């Protein structure tokens, strides 16, 4: 299936090298719980996912071991967002700005 026809979860499954199963499962679970993200450009869907995961980590105090997987998943989502954005190189700067603003806003909420 062409990658532009895949859902974000399907696209994630197709990535090589494969991410650790627990990491991919956490992100697939999050994507499944937000089907509205499939209407977004794939990079934006992963940015949304990273922001939600970052909020979870910070709401949990960012010190619990249980938050480690969410923190790693948030980081992976940002990476996947830019991997997806690379399919349209002209969009990378806008996605970078969007991700930076979103992460900064979340950090300000918890400062």
PDB file of N, CA and C in Angstrom:
ATOM      1  N   UNK A   1       0.851  -1.177   0.000  1.00  0.00           N
ATOM      2  CA  UNK A   1       0.000   0.000   0.000  1.00  0.00           C
ATOM      3  C   UNK A   1       0.895   1.237   0.000  1.00  0.00           C
ATOM      4  N   UNK A   2       0.588   2.230  -0.825  1.00  0.00           N
ATOM      5  CA  UNK A   2       1.389   3.461  -0.817  1.00  0.00           C
ATOM      6  C   UNK A   2       1.322   4.128   0.563  1.00  0.00           C
ATOM      7  N   UNK A   3       2.441   4.692   0.996  1.00  0.00           N
ATOM      8  CA  UNK A   3       2.490   5.260   2.349  1.00  0.00           C
ATOM      9  C   UNK A   3       1.509   6.404   2.541  1.00  0.00           C
ATOM     10  N   UNK A   4       1.155   7.134   1.484  1.00  0.00           N
ATOM     11  CA  UNK A   4       0.206   8.235   1.652  1.00  0.00           C
ATOM     12  C   UNK A   4      -1.223   7.735   1.844  1.00  0.00           C
ATOM     13  N   UNK A   5      -1.464   6.453   1.625  1.00  0.00           N
ATOM     14  CA  UNK A   5      -2.789   5.869   1.826  1.00  0.00           C
ATOM     15  C   UNK A   5      -2.899   5.160   3.180  1.00  0.00           C
ATOM     16  N   UNK A   6      -1.798   5.054   3.904  1.00  0.00           N
ATOM     17  CA  UNK A   6      -1.780   4.346   5.185  1.00  0.00           C
ATOM     18  C   UNK A   6      -2.225   5.253   6.323  1.00  0.00           C
ATOM     19  N   UNK A   7      -2.844   4.639   7.327  1.00  0.00           N
ATOM     20  CA  UNK A   7      -3.095   5.372   8.566  1.00  0.00           C
ATOM     21  C   UNK A   7      -1.743   5.587   9.249  1.00  0.00           C
ATOM     22  N   UNK A   8      -1.720   6.451  10.224  1.00  0.00           N
ATOM     23  CA  UNK A   8      -0.466   6.677  10.959  1.00  0.00           C
ATOM     24  C   UNK A   8       0.005   5.403  11.648  1.00  0.00           C
ATOM     25  N   UNK A   9      -0.927   4.616  12.174  1.00  0.00           N
ATOM     26  CA  UNK A   9      -0.559   3.358  12.835  1.00  0.00           C
ATOM     27  C   UNK A   9       0.033   2.366  11.835  1.00  0.00           C
ATOM     28  N   UNK A  10      -0.557   2.283  10.648  1.00  0.00           N
ATOM     29  CA  UNK A  10      -0.021   1.390   9.612  1.00  0.00           C
ATOM     30  C   UNK A  10       1.362   1.863   9.174  1.00  0.00           C
ATOM     31  N   UNK A  11       1.515   3.166   9.019  1.00  0.00           N
ATOM     32  CA  UNK A  11       2.807   3.728   8.625  1.00  0.00           C
ATOM     33  C   UNK A  11       3.860   3.383   9.676  1.00  0.00           C
ATOM     34  N   UNK A  12       3.483   3.515  10.950  1.00  0.00           N
ATOM     35  CA  UNK A  12       4.402   3.202  12.042  1.00  0.00           C
ATOM     36  C   UNK A  12       4.845   1.743  11.981  1.00  0.00           C
ATOM     37  N   UNK A  13       3.918   0.863  11.694  1.00  0.00           N
ATOM     38  CA  UNK A  13       4.234  -0.566  11.606  1.00  0.00           C
ATOM     39  C   UNK A  13       5.213  -0.846  10.476  1.00  0.00           C
ATOM     40  N   UNK A  14       5.181  -0.027   9.439  1.00  0.00           N
ATOM     41  CA  UNK A  14       6.044  -0.248   8.271  1.00  0.00           C
ATOM     42  C   UNK A  14       7.469   0.271   8.457  1.00  0.00           C
ATOM     43  N   UNK A  15       7.750   1.004   9.527  1.00  0.00           N
ATOM     44  CA  UNK A  15       9.061   1.629   9.703  1.00  0.00           C
ATOM     45  C   UNK A  15      10.139   0.595   9.955  1.00  0.00           C
ATOM     46  N   UNK A  16      11.279   0.847   9.367  1.00  0.00           N
ATOM     47  CA  UNK A  16      12.459   0.001   9.570  1.00  0.00           C
ATOM     48  C   UNK A  16      13.621   0.915   9.903  1.00  0.00           C
ATOM     49  N   UNK A  17      14.469   0.592  10.817  1.00  0.00           N
ATOM     50  CA  UNK A  17      14.369  -0.591  11.667  1.00  0.00           C
ATOM     51  C   UNK A  17      13.214  -0.449  12.647  1.00  0.00           C
ATOM     52  N   UNK A  18      12.747  -1.573  13.095  1.00  0.00           N
ATOM     53  CA  UNK A  18      11.607  -1.573  13.991  1.00  0.00           C
ATOM     54  C   UNK A  18      11.977  -1.006  15.354  1.00  0.00           C
ATOM     55  N   UNK A  19      11.045  -0.293  15.912  1.00  0.00           N
ATOM     56  CA  UNK A  19      11.202   0.215  17.283  1.00  0.00           C
ATOM     57  C   UNK A  19      10.872  -0.919  18.247  1.00  0.00           C
ATOM     58  N   UNK A  20      11.292  -0.793  19.500  1.00  0.00           N
ATOM     59  CA  UNK A  20      10.944  -1.819  20.486  1.00  0.00           C
ATOM     60  C   UNK A  20       9.428  -2.032  20.546  1.00  0.00           C
ATOM     61  N   UNK A  21       9.002  -3.271  20.681  1.00  0.00           N
ATOM     62  CA  UNK A  21       7.567  -3.573  20.658  1.00  0.00           C
ATOM     63  C   UNK A  21       6.740  -2.777  21.678  1.00  0.00           C
ATOM     64  N   UNK A  22       7.233  -2.618  22.888  1.00  0.00           N
ATOM     65  CA  UNK A  22       6.461  -1.881  23.905  1.00  0.00           C
ATOM     66  C   UNK A  22       6.277  -0.420  23.496  1.00  0.00           C
ATOM     67  N   UNK A  23       7.289   0.152  22.884  1.00  0.00           N
ATOM     68  CA  UNK A  23       7.219   1.541  22.434  1.00  0.00           C
ATOM     69  C   UNK A  23       6.182   1.696  21.317  1.00  0.00           C
ATOM     70  N   UNK A  24       6.272   0.814  20.330  1.00  0.00           N
ATOM     71  CA  UNK A  24       5.304   0.875  19.233  1.00  0.00           C
ATOM     72  C   UNK A  24       3.888   0.598  19.732  1.00  0.00           C
ATOM     73  N   UNK A  25       3.748  -0.314  20.664  1.00  0.00           N
ATOM     74  CA  UNK A  25       2.418  -0.626  21.199  1.00  0.00           C
ATOM     75  C   UNK A  25       1.827   0.585  21.904  1.00  0.00           C
ATOM     76  N   UNK A  26       2.646   1.297  22.675  1.00  0.00           N
ATOM     77  CA  UNK A  26       2.149   2.481  23.377  1.00  0.00           C
ATOM     78  C   UNK A  26       1.657   3.528  22.378  1.00  0.00           C
ATOM     79  N   UNK A  27       2.416   3.749  21.321  1.00  0.00           N
ATOM     80  CA  UNK A  27       2.041   4.765  20.330  1.00  0.00           C
ATOM     81  C   UNK A  27       0.844   4.296  19.512  1.00  0.00           C
ATOM     82  N   UNK A  28       0.812   3.039  19.108  1.00  0.00           N
ATOM     83  CA  UNK A  28      -0.349   2.525  18.364  1.00  0.00           C
ATOM     84  C   UNK A  28      -1.626   2.635  19.198  1.00  0.00           C
ATOM     85  N   UNK A  29      -1.523   2.340  20.498  1.00  0.00           N
ATOM     86  CA  UNK A  29      -2.674   2.454  21.397  1.00  0.00           C
ATOM     87  C   UNK A  29      -3.169   3.907  21.442  1.00  0.00           C
ATOM     88  N   UNK A  30      -2.248   4.828  21.519  1.00  0.00           N
ATOM     89  CA  UNK A  30      -2.608   6.246  21.555  1.00  0.00           C
ATOM     90  C   UNK A  30      -3.235   6.688  20.232  1.00  0.00           C
ATOM     91  N   UNK A  31      -2.651   6.273  19.123  1.00  0.00           N
ATOM     92  CA  UNK A  31      -3.210   6.614  17.812  1.00  0.00           C
ATOM     93  C   UNK A  31      -4.616   6.036  17.657  1.00  0.00           C
ATOM     94  N   UNK A  32      -4.809   4.816  18.132  1.00  0.00           N
ATOM     95  CA  UNK A  32      -6.122   4.177  18.030  1.00  0.00           C
ATOM     96  C   UNK A  32      -7.167   4.914  18.858  1.00  0.00           C
ATOM     97  N   UNK A  33      -6.733   5.519  19.959  1.00  0.00           N
ATOM     98  CA  UNK A  33      -7.683   6.228  20.817  1.00  0.00           C
ATOM     99  C   UNK A  33      -7.997   7.638  20.286  1.00  0.00           C
ATOM    100  N   UNK A  34      -7.322   8.033  19.223  1.00  0.00           N
ATOM    101  CA  UNK A  34      -7.551   9.342  18.596  1.00  0.00           C
ATOM    102  C   UNK A  34      -7.691   9.177  17.079  1.00  0.00           C
ATOM    103  N   UNK A  35      -8.773   8.532  16.627  1.00  0.00           N
ATOM    104  CA  UNK A  35      -8.929   8.317  15.178  1.00  0.00           C
ATOM    105  C   UNK A  35      -9.014   9.624  14.390  1.00  0.00           C
ATOM    106  N   UNK A  36      -9.366  10.714  15.058  1.00  0.00           N
ATOM    107  CA  UNK A  36      -9.434  12.008  14.368  1.00  0.00           C
ATOM    108  C   UNK A  36      -8.064  12.450  13.864  1.00  0.00           C
ATOM    109  N   UNK A  37      -7.006  11.925  14.452  1.00  0.00           N
ATOM    110  CA  UNK A  37      -5.662  12.287  14.010  1.00  0.00           C
ATOM    111  C   UNK A  37      -5.355  11.745  12.620  1.00  0.00           C
ATOM    112  N   UNK A  38      -6.076  10.729  12.179  1.00  0.00           N
ATOM    113  CA  UNK A  38      -5.839  10.202  10.831  1.00  0.00           C
ATOM    114  C   UNK A  38      -6.259  11.189   9.756  1.00  0.00           C
ATOM    115  N   UNK A  39      -7.018  12.209  10.122  1.00  0.00           N
ATOM    116  CA  UNK A  39      -7.394  13.249   9.151  1.00  0.00           C
ATOM    117  C   UNK A  39      -6.309  14.322   9.046  1.00  0.00           C
ATOM    118  N   UNK A  40      -5.348  14.289   9.946  1.00  0.00           N
ATOM    119  CA  UNK A  40      -4.248  15.260   9.933  1.00  0.00           C
ATOM    120  C   UNK A  40      -3.124  14.766   9.037  1.00  0.00           C
ATOM    121  N   UNK A  41      -2.274  15.687   8.574  1.00  0.00           N
ATOM    122  CA  UNK A  41      -1.028  15.215   7.959  1.00  0.00           C
ATOM    123  C   UNK A  41      -0.296  14.328   8.974  1.00  0.00           C
ATOM    124  N   UNK A  42       0.318  13.273   8.506  1.00  0.00           N
ATOM    125  CA  UNK A  42       0.943  12.284   9.401  1.00  0.00           C
ATOM    126  C   UNK A  42       1.902  12.940  10.395  1.00  0.00           C
ATOM    127  N   UNK A  43       2.693  13.899   9.952  1.00  0.00           N
ATOM    128  CA  UNK A  43       3.627  14.560  10.866  1.00  0.00           C
ATOM    129  C   UNK A  43       2.873  15.238  12.002  1.00  0.00           C
ATOM    130  N   UNK A  44       1.764  15.875  11.689  1.00  0.00           N
ATOM    131  CA  UNK A  44       0.968  16.538  12.726  1.00  0.00           C
ATOM    132  C   UNK A  44       0.364  15.536  13.698  1.00  0.00           C
ATOM    133  N   UNK A  45      -0.050  14.382  13.201  1.00  0.00           N
ATOM    134  CA  UNK A  45      -0.601  13.354  14.083  1.00  0.00           C
ATOM    135  C   UNK A  45       0.456  12.917  15.104  1.00  0.00           C
ATOM    136  N   UNK A  46       1.682  12.737  14.646  1.00  0.00           N
ATOM    137  CA  UNK A  46       2.735  12.322  15.576  1.00  0.00           C
ATOM    138  C   UNK A  46       3.123  13.458  16.523  1.00  0.00           C
ATOM    139  N   UNK A  47       3.045  14.686  16.068  1.00  0.00           N
ATOM    140  CA  UNK A  47       3.301  15.820  16.970  1.00  0.00           C
ATOM    141  C   UNK A  47       2.216  15.863  18.041  1.00  0.00           C
ATOM    142  N   UNK A  48       0.955  15.680  17.643  1.00  0.00           N
ATOM    143  CA  UNK A  48      -0.145  15.636  18.618  1.00  0.00           C
ATOM    144  C   UNK A  48       0.118  14.535  19.640  1.00  0.00           C
ATOM    145  N   UNK A  49       0.510  13.369  19.160  1.00  0.00           N
ATOM    146  CA  UNK A  49       0.781  12.242  20.056  1.00  0.00           C
ATOM    147  C   UNK A  49       1.916  12.580  21.017  1.00  0.00           C
ATOM    148  N   UNK A  50       2.964  13.203  20.514  1.00  0.00           N
ATOM    149  CA  UNK A  50       4.096  13.539  21.388  1.00  0.00           C
ATOM    150  C   UNK A  50       3.678  14.518  22.469  1.00  0.00           C
ATOM    151  N   UNK A  51       2.835  15.478  22.117  1.00  0.00           N
ATOM    152  CA  UNK A  51       2.382  16.461  23.098  1.00  0.00           C
ATOM    153  C   UNK A  51       1.526  15.808  24.181  1.00  0.00           C
ATOM    154  N   UNK A  52       0.640  14.913  23.774  1.00  0.00           N
ATOM    155  CA  UNK A  52      -0.196  14.236  24.760  1.00  0.00           C
ATOM    156  C   UNK A  52       0.652  13.381  25.692  1.00  0.00           C
ATOM    157  N   UNK A  53       1.602  12.672  25.133  1.00  0.00           N
ATOM    158  CA  UNK A  53       2.488  11.842  25.955  1.00  0.00           C
ATOM    159  C   UNK A  53       3.331  12.692  26.900  1.00  0.00           C
ATOM    160  N   UNK A  54       3.833  13.815  26.426  1.00  0.00           N
ATOM    161  CA  UNK A  54       4.620  14.702  27.280  1.00  0.00           C
ATOM    162  C   UNK A  54       3.774  15.217  28.438  1.00  0.00           C
ATOM    163  N   UNK A  55       2.534  15.570  28.153  1.00  0.00           N
ATOM    164  CA  UNK A  55       1.616  16.010  29.229  1.00  0.00           C
ATOM    165  C   UNK A  55       1.444  14.916  30.271  1.00  0.00           C
ATOM    166  N   UNK A  56       1.269  13.668  29.812  1.00  0.00           N
ATOM    167  CA  UNK A  56       1.131  12.540  30.750  1.00  0.00           C
ATOM    168  C   UNK A  56       2.337  12.453  31.673  1.00  0.00           C
ATOM    169  N   UNK A  57       3.511  12.577  31.088  1.00  0.00           N
ATOM    170  CA  UNK A  57       4.745  12.482  31.873  1.00  0.00           C
ATOM    171  C   UNK A  57       4.790  13.597  32.912  1.00  0.00           C
ATOM    172  N   UNK A  58       4.532  14.805  32.480  1.00  0.00           N
ATOM    173  CA  UNK A  58       4.619  15.943  33.398  1.00  0.00           C
ATOM    174  C   UNK A  58       3.517  15.922  34.445  1.00  0.00           C
ATOM    175  N   UNK A  59       2.339  15.458  34.091  1.00  0.00           N
ATOM    176  CA  UNK A  59       1.249  15.341  35.069  1.00  0.00           C
ATOM    177  C   UNK A  59       1.575  14.292  36.123  1.00  0.00           C
ATOM    178  N   UNK A  60       2.366  13.299  35.740  1.00  0.00           N
ATOM    179  CA  UNK A  60       2.771  12.245  36.668  1.00  0.00           C
ATOM    180  C   UNK A  60       3.975  12.639  37.501  1.00  0.00           C
ATOM    181  N   UNK A  61       4.403  13.872  37.398  1.00  0.00           N
ATOM    182  CA  UNK A  61       5.544  14.323  38.180  1.00  0.00           C
ATOM    183  C   UNK A  61       6.881  14.059  37.521  1.00  0.00           C
ATOM    184  N   UNK A  62       6.876  13.405  36.395  1.00  0.00           N
ATOM    185  CA  UNK A  62       8.088  13.146  35.599  1.00  0.00           C
ATOM    186  C   UNK A  62       9.152  12.371  36.354  1.00  0.00           C
ATOM    187  N   UNK A  63       8.788  11.765  37.481  1.00  0.00           N
ATOM    188  CA  UNK A  63       9.808  11.019  38.223  1.00  0.00           C
ATOM    189  C   UNK A  63       9.469   9.546  38.383  1.00  0.00           C
ATOM    190  N   UNK A  64       8.235   9.195  38.147  1.00  0.00           N
ATOM    191  CA  UNK A  64       7.835   7.800  38.313  1.00  0.00           C
ATOM    192  C   UNK A  64       8.417   6.953  37.182  1.00  0.00           C
ATOM    193  N   UNK A  65       8.884   5.782  37.528  1.00  0.00           N
ATOM    194  CA  UNK A  65       9.418   4.870  36.508  1.00  0.00           C
ATOM    195  C   UNK A  65       8.365   4.540  35.469  1.00  0.00           C
ATOM    196  N   UNK A  66       7.107   4.526  35.886  1.00  0.00           N
ATOM    197  CA  UNK A  66       6.020   4.213  34.965  1.00  0.00           C
ATOM    198  C   UNK A  66       5.935   5.231  33.835  1.00  0.00           C
ATOM    199  N   UNK A  67       6.467   6.419  34.057  1.00  0.00           N
ATOM    200  CA  UNK A  67       6.436   7.468  33.032  1.00  0.00           C
ATOM    201  C   UNK A  67       7.522   7.290  31.978  1.00  0.00           C
ATOM    202  N   UNK A  68       8.456   6.423  32.224  1.00  0.00           N
ATOM    203  CA  UNK A  68       9.595   6.281  31.306  1.00  0.00           C
ATOM    204  C   UNK A  68       9.148   5.893  29.899  1.00  0.00           C
ATOM    205  N   UNK A  69       8.222   4.955  29.791  1.00  0.00           N
ATOM    206  CA  UNK A  69       7.778   4.532  28.467  1.00  0.00           C
ATOM    207  C   UNK A  69       7.077   5.676  27.743  1.00  0.00           C
ATOM    208  N   UNK A  70       6.260   6.447  28.470  1.00  0.00           N
ATOM    209  CA  UNK A  70       5.598   7.587  27.835  1.00  0.00           C
ATOM    210  C   UNK A  70       6.617   8.629  27.369  1.00  0.00           C
ATOM    211  N   UNK A  71       7.657   8.856  28.158  1.00  0.00           N
ATOM    212  CA  UNK A  71       8.689   9.817  27.766  1.00  0.00           C
ATOM    213  C   UNK A  71       9.433   9.333  26.518  1.00  0.00           C
ATOM    214  N   UNK A  72       9.789   8.066  26.490  1.00  0.00           N
ATOM    215  CA  UNK A  72      10.449   7.507  25.305  1.00  0.00           C
ATOM    216  C   UNK A  72       9.523   7.544  24.090  1.00  0.00           C
ATOM    217  N   UNK A  73       8.244   7.271  24.314  1.00  0.00           N
ATOM    218  CA  UNK A  73       7.276   7.307  23.208  1.00  0.00           C
ATOM    219  C   UNK A  73       7.096   8.726  22.690  1.00  0.00           C
ATOM    220  N   UNK A  74       7.087   9.714  23.585  1.00  0.00           N
ATOM    221  CA  UNK A  74       6.972  11.115  23.155  1.00  0.00           C
ATOM    222  C   UNK A  74       8.162  11.486  22.265  1.00  0.00           C
ATOM    223  N   UNK A  75       9.342  11.094  22.693  1.00  0.00           N
ATOM    224  CA  UNK A  75      10.546  11.363  21.909  1.00  0.00           C
ATOM    225  C   UNK A  75      10.475  10.666  20.547  1.00  0.00           C
ATOM    226  N   UNK A  76      10.037   9.415  20.549  1.00  0.00           N
ATOM    227  CA  UNK A  76       9.931   8.666  19.295  1.00  0.00           C
ATOM    228  C   UNK A  76       8.908   9.317  18.367  1.00  0.00           C
ATOM    229  N   UNK A  77       7.811   9.817  18.917  1.00  0.00           N
ATOM    230  CA  UNK A  77       6.785  10.455  18.087  1.00  0.00           C
ATOM    231  C   UNK A  77       7.324  11.696  17.393  1.00  0.00           C
ATOM    232  N   UNK A  78       8.156  12.457  18.086  1.00  0.00           N
ATOM    233  CA  UNK A  78       8.766  13.626  17.444  1.00  0.00           C
ATOM    234  C   UNK A  78       9.669  13.161  16.296  1.00  0.00           C
ATOM    235  N   UNK A  79      10.439  12.129  16.542  1.00  0.00           N
ATOM    236  CA  UNK A  79      11.308  11.583  15.488  1.00  0.00           C
ATOM    237  C   UNK A  79      10.477  11.123  14.296  1.00  0.00           C
ATOM    238  N   UNK A  80       9.412  10.384  14.572  1.00  0.00           N
ATOM    239  CA  UNK A  80       8.559   9.894  13.479  1.00  0.00           C
ATOM    240  C   UNK A  80       7.855  11.043  12.768  1.00  0.00           C
ATOM    241  N   UNK A  81       7.517  12.090  13.494  1.00  0.00           N
ATOM    242  CA  UNK A  81       6.889  13.256  12.863  1.00  0.00           C
ATOM    243  C   UNK A  81       7.813  13.834  11.794  1.00  0.00           C
ATOM    244  N   UNK A  82       9.094  13.938  12.117  1.00  0.00           N
ATOM    245  CA  UNK A  82      10.019  14.517  11.146  1.00  0.00           C
ATOM    246  C   UNK A  82      10.400  13.531  10.061  1.00  0.00           C
ATOM    247  N   UNK A  83      10.353  12.258  10.371  1.00  0.00           N
ATOM    248  CA  UNK A  83      10.555  11.260   9.324  1.00  0.00           C
ATOM    249  C   UNK A  83       9.399  11.347   8.318  1.00  0.00           C
ATOM    250  N   UNK A  84       8.181  11.499   8.830  1.00  0.00           N
ATOM    251  CA  UNK A  84       7.011  11.646   7.948  1.00  0.00           C
ATOM    252  C   UNK A  84       7.078  12.963   7.184  1.00  0.00           C
ATOM    253  N   UNK A  85       7.495  14.029   7.838  1.00  0.00           N
ATOM    254  CA  UNK A  85       7.592  15.339   7.179  1.00  0.00           C
ATOM    255  C   UNK A  85       8.625  15.318   6.060  1.00  0.00           C
ATOM    256  N   UNK A  86       9.605  14.437   6.166  1.00  0.00           N
ATOM    257  CA  UNK A  86      10.641  14.363   5.131  1.00  0.00           C
ATOM    258  C   UNK A  86      10.061  13.963   3.778  1.00  0.00           C
ATOM    259  N   UNK A  87       8.860  13.383   3.774  1.00  0.00           N
ATOM    260  CA  UNK A  87       8.205  13.067   2.500  1.00  0.00           C
ATOM    261  C   UNK A  87       7.820  14.333   1.747  1.00  0.00           C
ATOM    262  N   UNK A  88       7.733  15.450   2.470  1.00  0.00           N
ATOM    263  CA  UNK A  88       7.431  16.758   1.880  1.00  0.00           C
ATOM    264  C   UNK A  88       8.423  17.754   2.483  1.00  0.00           C
ATOM    265  N   UNK A  89       9.664  17.781   1.980  1.00  0.00           N
ATOM    266  CA  UNK A  89      10.713  18.587   2.595  1.00  0.00           C
ATOM    267  C   UNK A  89      10.339  20.056   2.811  1.00  0.00           C
ATOM    268  N   UNK A  90       9.504  20.611   1.961  1.00  0.00           N
ATOM    269  CA  UNK A  90       9.121  22.012   2.113  1.00  0.00           C
ATOM    270  C   UNK A  90       8.299  22.244   3.379  1.00  0.00           C
ATOM    271  N   UNK A  91       7.756  21.177   3.971  1.00  0.00           N
ATOM    272  CA  UNK A  91       6.921  21.316   5.172  1.00  0.00           C
ATOM    273  C   UNK A  91       7.709  21.202   6.476  1.00  0.00           C
ATOM    274  N   UNK A  92       8.971  20.835   6.393  1.00  0.00           N
ATOM    275  CA  UNK A  92       9.735  20.548   7.613  1.00  0.00           C
ATOM    276  C   UNK A  92       9.836  21.769   8.522  1.00  0.00           C
ATOM    277  N   UNK A  93      10.114  22.929   7.988  1.00  0.00           N
ATOM    278  CA  UNK A  93      10.252  24.128   8.829  1.00  0.00           C
ATOM    279  C   UNK A  93       8.955  24.431   9.567  1.00  0.00           C
ATOM    280  N   UNK A  94       7.833  24.319   8.885  1.00  0.00           N
ATOM    281  CA  UNK A  94       6.539  24.584   9.533  1.00  0.00           C
ATOM    282  C   UNK A  94       6.257  23.557  10.622  1.00  0.00           C
ATOM    283  N   UNK A  95       6.587  22.301  10.371  1.00  0.00           N
ATOM    284  CA  UNK A  95       6.391  21.276  11.397  1.00  0.00           C
ATOM    285  C   UNK A  95       7.324  21.503  12.586  1.00  0.00           C
ATOM    286  N   UNK A  96       8.534  21.925  12.308  1.00  0.00           N
ATOM    287  CA  UNK A  96       9.474  22.211  13.396  1.00  0.00           C
ATOM    288  C   UNK A  96       8.956  23.348  14.264  1.00  0.00           C
ATOM    289  N   UNK A  97       8.445  24.376  13.638  1.00  0.00           N
ATOM    290  CA  UNK A  97       7.881  25.508  14.380  1.00  0.00           C
ATOM    291  C   UNK A  97       6.692  25.058  15.219  1.00  0.00           C
ATOM    292  N   UNK A  98       5.812  24.278  14.613  1.00  0.00           N
ATOM    293  CA  UNK A  98       4.628  23.776  15.321  1.00  0.00           C
ATOM    294  C   UNK A  98       5.016  22.927  16.521  1.00  0.00           C
ATOM    295  N   UNK A  99       5.963  22.011  16.327  1.00  0.00           N
ATOM    296  CA  UNK A  99       6.405  21.141  17.420  1.00  0.00           C
ATOM    297  C   UNK A  99       7.070  21.946  18.528  1.00  0.00           C
ATOM    298  N   UNK A 100       7.914  22.885  18.158  1.00  0.00           N
ATOM    299  CA  UNK A 100       8.607  23.714  19.148  1.00  0.00           C
ATOM    300  C   UNK A 100       7.622  24.525  19.968  1.00  0.00           C
ATOM    301  N   UNK A 101       6.657  25.128  19.308  1.00  0.00           N
ATOM    302  CA  UNK A 101       5.665  25.926  20.028  1.00  0.00           C
ATOM    303  C   UNK A 101       4.817  25.059  20.957  1.00  0.00           C
ATOM    304  N   UNK A 102       4.422  23.896  20.480  1.00  0.00           N
ATOM    305  CA  UNK A 102       3.609  23.000  21.295  1.00  0.00           C
ATOM    306  C   UNK A 102       4.338  22.512  22.528  1.00  0.00           C
ATOM    307  N   UNK A 103       5.583  22.095  22.362  1.00  0.00           N
ATOM    308  CA  UNK A 103       6.371  21.602  23.488  1.00  0.00           C
ATOM    309  C   UNK A 103       6.658  22.731  24.467  1.00  0.00           C
ATOM    310  N   UNK A 104       6.965  23.918  23.947  1.00  0.00           N
ATOM    311  CA  UNK A 104       7.224  25.066  24.827  1.00  0.00           C
ATOM    312  C   UNK A 104       5.976  25.435  25.621  1.00  0.00           C
ATOM    313  N   UNK A 105       4.810  25.370  24.997  1.00  0.00           N
ATOM    314  CA  UNK A 105       3.566  25.685  25.700  1.00  0.00           C
ATOM    315  C   UNK A 105       3.306  24.693  26.815  1.00  0.00           C
ATOM    316  N   UNK A 106       3.562  23.440  26.566  1.00  0.00           N
ATOM    317  CA  UNK A 106       3.374  22.411  27.601  1.00  0.00           C
ATOM    318  C   UNK A 106       4.360  22.647  28.749  1.00  0.00           C
ATOM    319  N   UNK A 107       5.606  22.931  28.411  1.00  0.00           N
ATOM    320  CA  UNK A 107       6.607  23.190  29.447  1.00  0.00           C
ATOM    321  C   UNK A 107       6.191  24.385  30.303  1.00  0.00           C
ATOM    322  N   UNK A 108       5.652  25.420  29.674  1.00  0.00           N
ATOM    323  CA  UNK A 108       5.212  26.606  30.421  1.00  0.00           C
ATOM    324  C   UNK A 108       4.058  26.278  31.367  1.00  0.00           C
ATOM    325  N   UNK A 109       3.178  25.364  30.956  1.00  0.00           N
ATOM    326  CA  UNK A 109       2.061  24.949  31.813  1.00  0.00           C
ATOM    327  C   UNK A 109       2.540  24.336  33.120  1.00  0.00           C
ATOM    328  N   UNK A 110       3.657  23.644  33.050  1.00  0.00           N
ATOM    329  CA  UNK A 110       4.145  22.883  34.199  1.00  0.00           C
ATOM    330  C   UNK A 110       5.329  23.536  34.893  1.00  0.00           C
ATOM    331  N   UNK A 111       5.664  24.759  34.467  1.00  0.00           N
ATOM    332  CA  UNK A 111       6.816  25.464  35.064  1.00  0.00           C
ATOM    333  C   UNK A 111       6.462  26.028  36.421  1.00  0.00           C
TER     334      UNK A 111
END
